[in-house]
Amino acid sequence: MHEYTSKIRVWGLSCPGFPEEVSRARRWTRDILRGSPLAEDAELIVSELSANAILHTASGRDHGSFHLALAISPQVVALSVTDDGGTSTAPKTQHQDQDAEHGRGLDMVSALAQRVIVHTSQAGHTVTAELFTAPKEPAGGHPC
């Protein structure tokens, strides 16, 4: 993890809505969280949310984009992806049967994250996934 995690640190990245930008979003997340035990889950979450933005919203259309924010504090890693809207429905989990080829992404994000928040505005949707860091052991070892 970053050596400056005694305070909240926030990073942002804007990407054109091209499918190849999903791998860029993954690399960006991996680079920021290098060494963190949450890095792999965070990378997977960013990948899924970025792909959803491109596939299901105006982010994947001509001149579309999606925006990422990554906030790190000693207690939580919060990953947000904001899309360009263009759909009348907000992202939601869908329980699909085992043969379905699509529709499991947000379920997977919900399984990895301790909390998922969807915020809808006129500009689009922001999906934030929060990964909580493990509580630190009290000084002096295990409690009685």
N, C-alpha and C. Protein backbone atom coordinates (compact mmCIF):
# COMPACT_ATOMS: atom_id res chain seq x y z
N MET A 1 0.85 -1.17 0.00
CA MET A 1 0.00 0.00 0.00
C MET A 1 0.89 1.23 0.00
N HIS A 2 0.34 2.36 -0.22
CA HIS A 2 1.06 3.61 -0.31
C HIS A 2 1.57 4.04 1.06
N GLU A 3 2.73 4.68 1.08
CA GLU A 3 3.29 5.06 2.37
C GLU A 3 2.57 6.24 3.01
N TYR A 4 1.67 6.89 2.31
CA TYR A 4 0.97 8.06 2.83
C TYR A 4 -0.46 7.74 3.22
N THR A 5 -0.71 6.59 3.82
CA THR A 5 -2.08 6.19 4.14
C THR A 5 -2.53 6.61 5.54
N SER A 6 -1.76 7.48 6.20
CA SER A 6 -2.23 7.96 7.49
C SER A 6 -3.39 8.94 7.31
N LYS A 7 -3.55 9.46 6.13
CA LYS A 7 -4.66 10.34 5.77
C LYS A 7 -5.33 9.75 4.54
N ILE A 8 -6.50 10.27 4.24
CA ILE A 8 -7.19 9.81 3.04
C ILE A 8 -6.46 10.34 1.81
N ARG A 9 -6.19 9.45 0.89
CA ARG A 9 -5.57 9.81 -0.39
C ARG A 9 -6.56 9.47 -1.49
N VAL A 10 -6.68 10.35 -2.47
CA VAL A 10 -7.65 10.15 -3.56
C VAL A 10 -6.94 10.33 -4.89
N TRP A 11 -7.20 9.39 -5.80
CA TRP A 11 -6.69 9.45 -7.16
C TRP A 11 -7.87 9.45 -8.12
N GLY A 12 -7.69 10.02 -9.30
CA GLY A 12 -8.74 10.00 -10.31
C GLY A 12 -8.16 9.72 -11.68
N LEU A 13 -8.97 9.11 -12.53
CA LEU A 13 -8.57 8.80 -13.90
C LEU A 13 -9.80 8.87 -14.79
N SER A 14 -9.68 9.56 -15.91
CA SER A 14 -10.74 9.61 -16.92
C SER A 14 -10.27 8.83 -18.14
N CYS A 15 -11.17 8.01 -18.67
CA CYS A 15 -10.82 7.14 -19.80
C CYS A 15 -11.85 7.29 -20.91
N PRO A 16 -11.41 7.28 -22.16
CA PRO A 16 -12.37 7.21 -23.26
C PRO A 16 -13.11 5.87 -23.17
N GLY A 17 -14.32 5.83 -23.68
CA GLY A 17 -15.16 4.64 -23.55
C GLY A 17 -14.84 3.52 -24.52
N PHE A 18 -13.59 3.19 -24.68
CA PHE A 18 -13.17 2.09 -25.54
C PHE A 18 -12.92 0.84 -24.69
N PRO A 19 -13.24 -0.34 -25.22
CA PRO A 19 -13.03 -1.57 -24.43
C PRO A 19 -11.59 -1.74 -23.93
N GLU A 20 -10.61 -1.33 -24.71
CA GLU A 20 -9.21 -1.50 -24.27
C GLU A 20 -8.86 -0.64 -23.06
N GLU A 21 -9.69 0.34 -22.75
CA GLU A 21 -9.44 1.18 -21.59
C GLU A 21 -9.71 0.45 -20.28
N VAL A 22 -10.45 -0.64 -20.33
CA VAL A 22 -10.70 -1.43 -19.12
C VAL A 22 -9.38 -1.98 -18.59
N SER A 23 -8.51 -2.45 -19.47
CA SER A 23 -7.21 -2.96 -19.01
C SER A 23 -6.36 -1.82 -18.45
N ARG A 24 -6.48 -0.63 -19.02
CA ARG A 24 -5.76 0.53 -18.47
C ARG A 24 -6.26 0.83 -17.06
N ALA A 25 -7.55 0.77 -16.83
CA ALA A 25 -8.13 1.02 -15.51
C ALA A 25 -7.62 -0.02 -14.51
N ARG A 26 -7.53 -1.28 -14.94
CA ARG A 26 -7.01 -2.34 -14.07
C ARG A 26 -5.55 -2.06 -13.68
N ARG A 27 -4.72 -1.73 -14.68
CA ARG A 27 -3.30 -1.45 -14.41
C ARG A 27 -3.14 -0.27 -13.46
N TRP A 28 -3.93 0.77 -13.68
CA TRP A 28 -3.89 1.96 -12.84
C TRP A 28 -4.20 1.60 -11.40
N THR A 29 -5.23 0.81 -11.20
CA THR A 29 -5.63 0.37 -9.86
C THR A 29 -4.53 -0.48 -9.24
N ARG A 30 -4.02 -1.43 -10.00
CA ARG A 30 -2.95 -2.32 -9.51
C ARG A 30 -1.72 -1.52 -9.11
N ASP A 31 -1.35 -0.51 -9.90
CA ASP A 31 -0.16 0.30 -9.59
C ASP A 31 -0.34 1.08 -8.29
N ILE A 32 -1.53 1.65 -8.09
CA ILE A 32 -1.77 2.43 -6.88
C ILE A 32 -1.79 1.53 -5.65
N LEU A 33 -2.38 0.36 -5.77
CA LEU A 33 -2.54 -0.54 -4.62
C LEU A 33 -1.45 -1.59 -4.50
N ARG A 34 -0.38 -1.43 -5.24
CA ARG A 34 0.71 -2.43 -5.20
C ARG A 34 1.11 -2.71 -3.75
N GLY A 35 1.13 -3.99 -3.41
CA GLY A 35 1.51 -4.42 -2.07
C GLY A 35 0.35 -4.54 -1.10
N SER A 36 -0.83 -4.08 -1.48
CA SER A 36 -1.99 -4.16 -0.60
C SER A 36 -2.65 -5.53 -0.74
N PRO A 37 -3.11 -6.12 0.36
CA PRO A 37 -3.84 -7.39 0.24
C PRO A 37 -5.19 -7.22 -0.47
N LEU A 38 -5.64 -5.99 -0.66
CA LEU A 38 -6.90 -5.73 -1.34
C LEU A 38 -6.73 -5.47 -2.84
N ALA A 39 -5.50 -5.48 -3.32
CA ALA A 39 -5.22 -5.10 -4.71
C ALA A 39 -5.95 -5.97 -5.73
N GLU A 40 -5.93 -7.28 -5.56
CA GLU A 40 -6.56 -8.16 -6.55
C GLU A 40 -8.07 -7.97 -6.60
N ASP A 41 -8.72 -7.88 -5.45
CA ASP A 41 -10.16 -7.66 -5.42
C ASP A 41 -10.50 -6.30 -6.02
N ALA A 42 -9.71 -5.28 -5.68
CA ALA A 42 -9.94 -3.95 -6.22
C ALA A 42 -9.79 -3.92 -7.73
N GLU A 43 -8.80 -4.60 -8.23
CA GLU A 43 -8.56 -4.67 -9.68
C GLU A 43 -9.75 -5.34 -10.38
N LEU A 44 -10.23 -6.41 -9.82
CA LEU A 44 -11.38 -7.11 -10.40
C LEU A 44 -12.63 -6.23 -10.37
N ILE A 45 -12.85 -5.52 -9.28
CA ILE A 45 -14.00 -4.63 -9.17
C ILE A 45 -13.93 -3.51 -10.20
N VAL A 46 -12.79 -2.88 -10.31
CA VAL A 46 -12.63 -1.79 -11.29
C VAL A 46 -12.84 -2.32 -12.70
N SER A 47 -12.33 -3.48 -12.98
CA SER A 47 -12.51 -4.08 -14.30
C SER A 47 -13.99 -4.29 -14.61
N GLU A 48 -14.71 -4.84 -13.68
CA GLU A 48 -16.13 -5.13 -13.88
C GLU A 48 -16.95 -3.85 -14.02
N LEU A 49 -16.72 -2.89 -13.14
CA LEU A 49 -17.49 -1.65 -13.19
C LEU A 49 -17.17 -0.84 -14.45
N SER A 50 -15.92 -0.84 -14.87
CA SER A 50 -15.54 -0.13 -16.10
C SER A 50 -16.17 -0.78 -17.33
N ALA A 51 -16.12 -2.10 -17.38
CA ALA A 51 -16.73 -2.82 -18.50
C ALA A 51 -18.24 -2.58 -18.54
N ASN A 52 -18.89 -2.58 -17.37
CA ASN A 52 -20.33 -2.30 -17.33
C ASN A 52 -20.64 -0.91 -17.86
N ALA A 53 -19.81 0.07 -17.51
CA ALA A 53 -20.03 1.43 -17.99
C ALA A 53 -19.98 1.48 -19.52
N ILE A 54 -19.02 0.80 -20.08
CA ILE A 54 -18.86 0.81 -21.54
C ILE A 54 -19.98 0.03 -22.23
N LEU A 55 -20.37 -1.10 -21.66
CA LEU A 55 -21.37 -1.95 -22.30
C LEU A 55 -22.80 -1.44 -22.15
N HIS A 56 -23.11 -0.82 -21.04
CA HIS A 56 -24.52 -0.55 -20.72
C HIS A 56 -24.92 0.92 -20.68
N THR A 57 -23.98 1.84 -20.93
CA THR A 57 -24.31 3.26 -20.84
C THR A 57 -23.73 4.02 -22.03
N ALA A 58 -23.98 5.32 -22.03
CA ALA A 58 -23.45 6.18 -23.10
C ALA A 58 -21.93 6.27 -23.07
N SER A 59 -21.30 5.78 -22.03
CA SER A 59 -19.84 5.78 -21.97
C SER A 59 -19.22 5.02 -23.13
N GLY A 60 -19.91 3.98 -23.63
CA GLY A 60 -19.38 3.17 -24.72
C GLY A 60 -19.74 3.69 -26.10
N ARG A 61 -20.46 4.78 -26.18
CA ARG A 61 -20.83 5.36 -27.48
C ARG A 61 -19.77 6.35 -27.95
N ASP A 62 -19.96 6.87 -29.17
CA ASP A 62 -19.02 7.86 -29.70
C ASP A 62 -18.81 8.99 -28.70
N HIS A 63 -17.57 9.32 -28.46
CA HIS A 63 -17.15 10.40 -27.56
C HIS A 63 -17.52 10.13 -26.10
N GLY A 64 -17.87 8.90 -25.77
CA GLY A 64 -18.19 8.56 -24.38
C GLY A 64 -16.93 8.38 -23.55
N SER A 65 -17.10 8.40 -22.26
CA SER A 65 -15.98 8.20 -21.35
C SER A 65 -16.51 7.66 -20.02
N PHE A 66 -15.60 7.20 -19.20
CA PHE A 66 -15.94 6.82 -17.84
C PHE A 66 -14.83 7.33 -16.94
N HIS A 67 -15.16 7.51 -15.68
CA HIS A 67 -14.24 8.15 -14.76
C HIS A 67 -14.10 7.30 -13.51
N LEU A 68 -12.86 7.15 -13.07
CA LEU A 68 -12.57 6.35 -11.88
C LEU A 68 -12.06 7.24 -10.76
N ALA A 69 -12.40 6.87 -9.57
CA ALA A 69 -11.84 7.50 -8.37
C ALA A 69 -11.45 6.37 -7.43
N LEU A 70 -10.31 6.53 -6.81
CA LEU A 70 -9.80 5.55 -5.85
C LEU A 70 -9.40 6.32 -4.60
N ALA A 71 -10.06 6.03 -3.50
CA ALA A 71 -9.76 6.68 -2.22
C ALA A 71 -9.26 5.63 -1.25
N ILE A 72 -8.18 5.95 -0.56
CA ILE A 72 -7.58 5.03 0.40
C ILE A 72 -7.44 5.73 1.74
N SER A 73 -7.92 5.06 2.76
CA SER A 73 -7.70 5.51 4.14
C SER A 73 -7.21 4.29 4.92
N PRO A 74 -6.82 4.47 6.15
CA PRO A 74 -6.40 3.29 6.92
C PRO A 74 -7.52 2.26 7.11
N GLN A 75 -8.79 2.67 6.97
CA GLN A 75 -9.90 1.75 7.20
C GLN A 75 -10.55 1.19 5.95
N VAL A 76 -10.45 1.89 4.82
CA VAL A 76 -11.22 1.50 3.64
C VAL A 76 -10.50 1.88 2.35
N VAL A 77 -10.73 1.05 1.35
CA VAL A 77 -10.37 1.38 -0.03
C VAL A 77 -11.70 1.51 -0.77
N ALA A 78 -11.96 2.69 -1.31
CA ALA A 78 -13.21 2.94 -2.03
C ALA A 78 -12.91 3.16 -3.50
N LEU A 79 -13.59 2.40 -4.35
CA LEU A 79 -13.41 2.46 -5.79
C LEU A 79 -14.71 2.92 -6.42
N SER A 80 -14.66 3.99 -7.20
CA SER A 80 -15.87 4.51 -7.84
C SER A 80 -15.66 4.59 -9.34
N VAL A 81 -16.70 4.20 -10.08
CA VAL A 81 -16.72 4.37 -11.53
C VAL A 81 -17.97 5.14 -11.87
N THR A 82 -17.79 6.24 -12.59
CA THR A 82 -18.90 7.08 -13.03
C THR A 82 -19.03 6.96 -14.53
N ASP A 83 -20.25 6.68 -14.99
CA ASP A 83 -20.49 6.55 -16.42
C ASP A 83 -21.15 7.81 -16.96
N ASP A 84 -21.41 7.83 -18.27
CA ASP A 84 -22.01 8.97 -18.94
C ASP A 84 -23.54 8.91 -18.99
N GLY A 85 -24.14 7.98 -18.27
CA GLY A 85 -25.60 7.88 -18.26
C GLY A 85 -26.13 7.35 -19.58
N GLY A 86 -27.26 7.90 -20.01
CA GLY A 86 -27.84 7.46 -21.28
C GLY A 86 -28.74 6.26 -21.15
N THR A 87 -29.04 5.87 -19.93
CA THR A 87 -29.96 4.77 -19.69
C THR A 87 -30.93 5.19 -18.59
N SER A 88 -32.13 4.72 -18.67
CA SER A 88 -33.14 5.15 -17.70
C SER A 88 -33.10 4.33 -16.41
N THR A 89 -32.34 3.24 -16.39
CA THR A 89 -32.29 2.40 -15.21
C THR A 89 -30.90 2.46 -14.56
N ALA A 90 -30.90 2.46 -13.27
CA ALA A 90 -29.64 2.46 -12.52
C ALA A 90 -29.08 1.05 -12.48
N PRO A 91 -27.76 0.93 -12.35
CA PRO A 91 -27.17 -0.41 -12.18
C PRO A 91 -27.75 -1.10 -10.96
N LYS A 92 -28.00 -2.40 -11.08
CA LYS A 92 -28.53 -3.17 -9.95
C LYS A 92 -28.09 -4.61 -10.09
N THR A 93 -28.08 -5.29 -8.96
CA THR A 93 -27.73 -6.71 -9.00
C THR A 93 -28.91 -7.47 -9.61
N GLN A 94 -28.56 -8.51 -10.35
CA GLN A 94 -29.56 -9.36 -10.98
C GLN A 94 -29.16 -10.80 -10.73
N HIS A 95 -30.08 -11.56 -10.22
CA HIS A 95 -29.79 -12.97 -9.98
C HIS A 95 -30.10 -13.73 -11.26
N GLN A 96 -29.04 -14.21 -11.91
CA GLN A 96 -29.15 -14.92 -13.18
C GLN A 96 -29.04 -16.42 -12.96
N ASP A 97 -29.63 -17.17 -13.88
CA ASP A 97 -29.44 -18.62 -13.79
C ASP A 97 -28.02 -18.96 -14.23
N GLN A 98 -27.61 -20.17 -13.97
CA GLN A 98 -26.20 -20.54 -14.20
C GLN A 98 -25.81 -20.55 -15.66
N ASP A 99 -26.76 -20.57 -16.60
CA ASP A 99 -26.43 -20.58 -18.01
C ASP A 99 -26.37 -19.18 -18.63
N ALA A 100 -26.74 -18.16 -17.89
CA ALA A 100 -26.74 -16.80 -18.42
C ALA A 100 -25.32 -16.36 -18.74
N GLU A 101 -25.16 -15.66 -19.86
CA GLU A 101 -23.84 -15.19 -20.28
C GLU A 101 -23.52 -13.80 -19.77
N HIS A 102 -24.53 -13.05 -19.33
CA HIS A 102 -24.33 -11.69 -18.83
C HIS A 102 -25.18 -11.50 -17.58
N GLY A 103 -24.91 -10.40 -16.86
CA GLY A 103 -25.77 -10.03 -15.76
C GLY A 103 -25.28 -10.42 -14.38
N ARG A 104 -24.05 -10.93 -14.27
CA ARG A 104 -23.54 -11.33 -12.96
C ARG A 104 -22.51 -10.36 -12.39
N GLY A 105 -22.14 -9.35 -13.15
CA GLY A 105 -21.04 -8.47 -12.76
C GLY A 105 -21.24 -7.76 -11.45
N LEU A 106 -22.37 -7.10 -11.28
CA LEU A 106 -22.59 -6.36 -10.05
C LEU A 106 -22.80 -7.31 -8.86
N ASP A 107 -23.32 -8.51 -9.12
CA ASP A 107 -23.39 -9.53 -8.06
C ASP A 107 -21.99 -9.88 -7.57
N MET A 108 -21.07 -10.04 -8.51
CA MET A 108 -19.70 -10.37 -8.15
C MET A 108 -19.06 -9.23 -7.36
N VAL A 109 -19.28 -7.99 -7.81
CA VAL A 109 -18.76 -6.83 -7.09
C VAL A 109 -19.32 -6.82 -5.67
N SER A 110 -20.61 -7.07 -5.53
CA SER A 110 -21.24 -7.10 -4.20
C SER A 110 -20.67 -8.20 -3.32
N ALA A 111 -20.27 -9.31 -3.91
CA ALA A 111 -19.68 -10.40 -3.14
C ALA A 111 -18.28 -10.06 -2.64
N LEU A 112 -17.54 -9.28 -3.42
CA LEU A 112 -16.17 -8.92 -3.05
C LEU A 112 -16.11 -7.74 -2.07
N ALA A 113 -17.00 -6.78 -2.25
CA ALA A 113 -16.98 -5.56 -1.46
C ALA A 113 -17.84 -5.70 -0.20
N GLN A 114 -17.49 -4.97 0.82
CA GLN A 114 -18.31 -4.95 2.03
C GLN A 114 -19.55 -4.09 1.83
N ARG A 115 -19.45 -3.09 0.93
CA ARG A 115 -20.59 -2.22 0.65
C ARG A 115 -20.50 -1.73 -0.79
N VAL A 116 -21.65 -1.70 -1.47
CA VAL A 116 -21.75 -1.15 -2.83
C VAL A 116 -22.85 -0.09 -2.81
N ILE A 117 -22.51 1.08 -3.30
CA ILE A 117 -23.45 2.20 -3.32
C ILE A 117 -23.62 2.65 -4.76
N VAL A 118 -24.87 2.83 -5.20
CA VAL A 118 -25.16 3.33 -6.54
C VAL A 118 -25.80 4.70 -6.40
N HIS A 119 -25.19 5.69 -7.02
CA HIS A 119 -25.72 7.05 -7.00
C HIS A 119 -26.07 7.44 -8.43
N THR A 120 -27.28 7.92 -8.62
CA THR A 120 -27.74 8.33 -9.94
C THR A 120 -27.94 9.84 -9.95
N SER A 121 -27.44 10.48 -11.01
CA SER A 121 -27.64 11.91 -11.20
C SER A 121 -28.00 12.15 -12.66
N GLN A 122 -28.22 13.39 -13.02
CA GLN A 122 -28.53 13.72 -14.41
C GLN A 122 -27.35 13.40 -15.33
N ALA A 123 -26.15 13.45 -14.79
CA ALA A 123 -24.96 13.21 -15.60
C ALA A 123 -24.66 11.74 -15.82
N GLY A 124 -25.21 10.86 -14.99
CA GLY A 124 -24.93 9.44 -15.12
C GLY A 124 -25.03 8.72 -13.79
N HIS A 125 -24.37 7.58 -13.71
CA HIS A 125 -24.40 6.75 -12.51
C HIS A 125 -22.98 6.62 -11.96
N THR A 126 -22.90 6.61 -10.65
CA THR A 126 -21.62 6.32 -10.00
C THR A 126 -21.84 5.10 -9.12
N VAL A 127 -21.02 4.09 -9.34
CA VAL A 127 -21.06 2.89 -8.50
C VAL A 127 -19.78 2.91 -7.68
N THR A 128 -19.95 2.85 -6.36
CA THR A 128 -18.81 2.85 -5.44
C THR A 128 -18.81 1.54 -4.68
N ALA A 129 -17.67 0.88 -4.69
CA ALA A 129 -17.47 -0.35 -3.94
C ALA A 129 -16.45 -0.07 -2.85
N GLU A 130 -16.78 -0.46 -1.64
CA GLU A 130 -15.89 -0.25 -0.51
C GLU A 130 -15.33 -1.57 -0.01
N LEU A 131 -14.02 -1.61 0.13
CA LEU A 131 -13.32 -2.76 0.70
C LEU A 131 -12.73 -2.29 2.02
N PHE A 132 -13.13 -2.93 3.10
CA PHE A 132 -12.63 -2.54 4.42
C PHE A 132 -11.32 -3.26 4.71
N THR A 133 -10.38 -2.53 5.26
CA THR A 133 -9.12 -3.15 5.65
C THR A 133 -9.35 -3.92 6.94
N ALA A 134 -8.53 -4.90 7.20
CA ALA A 134 -8.66 -5.71 8.41
C ALA A 134 -8.33 -4.84 9.62
N PRO A 135 -9.09 -5.01 10.68
CA PRO A 135 -8.78 -4.23 11.89
C PRO A 135 -7.41 -4.61 12.43
N LYS A 136 -6.72 -3.63 12.93
CA LYS A 136 -5.39 -3.89 13.47
C LYS A 136 -5.51 -4.54 14.84
N GLU A 137 -4.55 -5.39 15.15
CA GLU A 137 -4.50 -6.03 16.46
C GLU A 137 -4.14 -4.98 17.50
N PRO A 138 -4.69 -5.06 18.69
CA PRO A 138 -4.30 -4.11 19.76
C PRO A 138 -2.82 -4.27 20.09
N ALA A 139 -2.22 -3.19 20.54
CA ALA A 139 -0.82 -3.26 20.94
C ALA A 139 -0.67 -4.31 22.04
N GLY A 140 0.39 -5.07 21.94
CA GLY A 140 0.65 -6.08 22.96
C GLY A 140 0.10 -7.45 22.60
N GLY A 141 -0.39 -7.63 21.37
CA GLY A 141 -0.83 -8.97 20.96
C GLY A 141 -2.33 -9.13 21.03
N HIS A 142 -2.75 -10.36 21.17
CA HIS A 142 -4.18 -10.71 21.15
C HIS A 142 -4.85 -10.29 22.45
N PRO A 143 -6.12 -9.83 22.37
CA PRO A 143 -6.83 -9.50 23.62
C PRO A 143 -7.18 -10.77 24.37
N CYS A 144 -7.42 -10.67 25.64
CA CYS A 144 -7.76 -11.82 26.49
C CYS A 144 -9.08 -12.42 26.09
